[in-house]
Amino acid sequence: MNLFRSKEHVKNWSSYDPISEEAIMPLADWAMVFSGPLFRNRMEPDCLSKGDVYWADFSRRLTKLGKKGWAWQS
């Protein structure tokens, strides 16, 4: 993962690929997505049995950010 100051800075990067546009978002948004139970509880013994609940939460977090494209489909 590369971190940039702004979306414009990303687009000026020599390795920028427009196909990645859907996945460009601020660090705070990434933190919100990855702080959910899917990632927080992945080492718990019952993680797989609660997978449907965790994926639903993950999907809600992405929807809240307006992420619906190909990059976010499981």
C-alpha atoms as a PDB file:
ATOM      1  CA  MET A   1       0.000   0.000   0.000  1.00  0.00           C
ATOM      2  CA  ASN A   2       1.252   3.450  -0.890  1.00  0.00           C
ATOM      3  CA  LEU A   3       0.203   6.525   1.058  1.00  0.00           C
ATOM      4  CA  PHE A   4      -0.160   9.886  -0.645  1.00  0.00           C
ATOM      5  CA  ARG A   5      -1.017  13.432   0.449  1.00  0.00           C
ATOM      6  CA  SER A   6      -4.017  13.765  -1.854  1.00  0.00           C
ATOM      7  CA  LYS A   7      -5.883  12.215  -4.753  1.00  0.00           C
ATOM      8  CA  GLU A   8      -4.114  14.652  -7.081  1.00  0.00           C
ATOM      9  CA  HIS A   9      -0.755  13.473  -5.748  1.00  0.00           C
ATOM     10  CA  VAL A  10      -1.776   9.886  -6.549  1.00  0.00           C
ATOM     11  CA  LYS A  11      -2.742  10.821 -10.089  1.00  0.00           C
ATOM     12  CA  ASN A  12       0.649  12.486 -10.629  1.00  0.00           C
ATOM     13  CA  TRP A  13       2.501   9.347  -9.458  1.00  0.00           C
ATOM     14  CA  SER A  14       4.475   7.707 -12.290  1.00  0.00           C
ATOM     15  CA  SER A  15       2.911   4.285 -11.599  1.00  0.00           C
ATOM     16  CA  TYR A  16      -0.677   5.560 -11.400  1.00  0.00           C
ATOM     17  CA  ASP A  17      -3.206   3.361 -13.198  1.00  0.00           C
ATOM     18  CA  PRO A  18      -6.709   4.795 -13.724  1.00  0.00           C
ATOM     19  CA  ILE A  19      -8.215   1.378 -13.008  1.00  0.00           C
ATOM     20  CA  SER A  20      -7.277   1.901  -9.344  1.00  0.00           C
ATOM     21  CA  GLU A  21      -9.505   4.992  -9.053  1.00  0.00           C
ATOM     22  CA  GLU A  22     -12.196   3.099  -7.097  1.00  0.00           C
ATOM     23  CA  ALA A  23      -9.690   2.092  -4.402  1.00  0.00           C
ATOM     24  CA  ILE A  24      -8.253   5.557  -3.752  1.00  0.00           C
ATOM     25  CA  MET A  25      -9.503   6.945  -0.458  1.00  0.00           C
ATOM     26  CA  PRO A  26      -8.207   8.778   2.604  1.00  0.00           C
ATOM     27  CA  LEU A  27      -6.411   6.912   5.369  1.00  0.00           C
ATOM     28  CA  ALA A  28      -9.274   7.586   7.801  1.00  0.00           C
ATOM     29  CA  ASP A  29     -11.653   5.752   5.447  1.00  0.00           C
ATOM     30  CA  TRP A  30      -9.286   2.785   5.172  1.00  0.00           C
ATOM     31  CA  ALA A  31      -9.062   2.695   8.964  1.00  0.00           C
ATOM     32  CA  MET A  32     -12.852   2.683   9.252  1.00  0.00           C
ATOM     33  CA  VAL A  33     -13.156  -0.204   6.784  1.00  0.00           C
ATOM     34  CA  PHE A  34     -10.408  -2.308   8.379  1.00  0.00           C
ATOM     35  CA  SER A  35     -11.487  -1.680  11.968  1.00  0.00           C
ATOM     36  CA  GLY A  36     -14.633  -3.778  11.587  1.00  0.00           C
ATOM     37  CA  PRO A  37     -15.173  -7.249  13.021  1.00  0.00           C
ATOM     38  CA  LEU A  38     -14.063  -9.007   9.815  1.00  0.00           C
ATOM     39  CA  PHE A  39     -10.493  -7.898  10.532  1.00  0.00           C
ATOM     40  CA  ARG A  40     -10.636  -7.261  14.272  1.00  0.00           C
ATOM     41  CA  ASN A  41     -11.916 -10.772  15.100  1.00  0.00           C
ATOM     42  CA  ARG A  42     -10.092 -12.820  12.475  1.00  0.00           C
ATOM     43  CA  MET A  43      -8.098 -14.746  15.099  1.00  0.00           C
ATOM     44  CA  GLU A  44     -11.106 -15.682  17.227  1.00  0.00           C
ATOM     45  CA  PRO A  45     -12.017 -19.396  17.244  1.00  0.00           C
ATOM     46  CA  ASP A  46     -15.556 -18.700  15.966  1.00  0.00           C
ATOM     47  CA  CYS A  47     -14.504 -16.315  13.178  1.00  0.00           C
ATOM     48  CA  LEU A  48     -15.544 -18.600  10.322  1.00  0.00           C
ATOM     49  CA  SER A  49     -18.927 -19.364  11.826  1.00  0.00           C
ATOM     50  CA  LYS A  50     -19.651 -15.624  12.010  1.00  0.00           C
ATOM     51  CA  GLY A  51     -18.313 -14.908   8.534  1.00  0.00           C
ATOM     52  CA  ASP A  52     -21.697 -13.939   7.087  1.00  0.00           C
ATOM     53  CA  VAL A  53     -22.221 -11.328   9.813  1.00  0.00           C
ATOM     54  CA  TYR A  54     -18.686  -9.995   9.418  1.00  0.00           C
ATOM     55  CA  TRP A  55     -18.942  -9.737   5.613  1.00  0.00           C
ATOM     56  CA  ALA A  56     -22.297  -7.957   5.935  1.00  0.00           C
ATOM     57  CA  ASP A  57     -20.674  -5.399   8.249  1.00  0.00           C
ATOM     58  CA  PHE A  58     -17.745  -5.006   5.828  1.00  0.00           C
ATOM     59  CA  SER A  59     -20.192  -4.424   2.977  1.00  0.00           C
ATOM     60  CA  ARG A  60     -22.136  -1.824   4.999  1.00  0.00           C
ATOM     61  CA  ARG A  61     -18.921   0.043   5.759  1.00  0.00           C
ATOM     62  CA  LEU A  62     -17.996   0.156   2.074  1.00  0.00           C
ATOM     63  CA  THR A  63     -21.496   1.226   1.064  1.00  0.00           C
ATOM     64  CA  LYS A  64     -21.327   4.034   3.620  1.00  0.00           C
ATOM     65  CA  LEU A  65     -18.229   5.272   1.786  1.00  0.00           C
ATOM     66  CA  GLY A  66     -19.914   4.916  -1.602  1.00  0.00           C
ATOM     67  CA  LYS A  67     -17.735   1.989  -2.680  1.00  0.00           C
ATOM     68  CA  LYS A  68     -19.727  -0.321  -4.947  1.00  0.00           C
ATOM     69  CA  GLY A  69     -17.421  -1.077  -7.857  1.00  0.00           C
ATOM     70  CA  TRP A  70     -15.527  -4.146  -8.982  1.00  0.00           C
ATOM     71  CA  ALA A  71     -12.651  -3.601  -6.532  1.00  0.00           C
ATOM     72  CA  TRP A  72     -14.929  -4.180  -3.531  1.00  0.00           C
ATOM     73  CA  GLN A  73     -16.822  -7.284  -4.552  1.00  0.00           C
ATOM     74  CA  SER A  74     -16.031 -10.408  -2.585  1.00  0.00           C
END
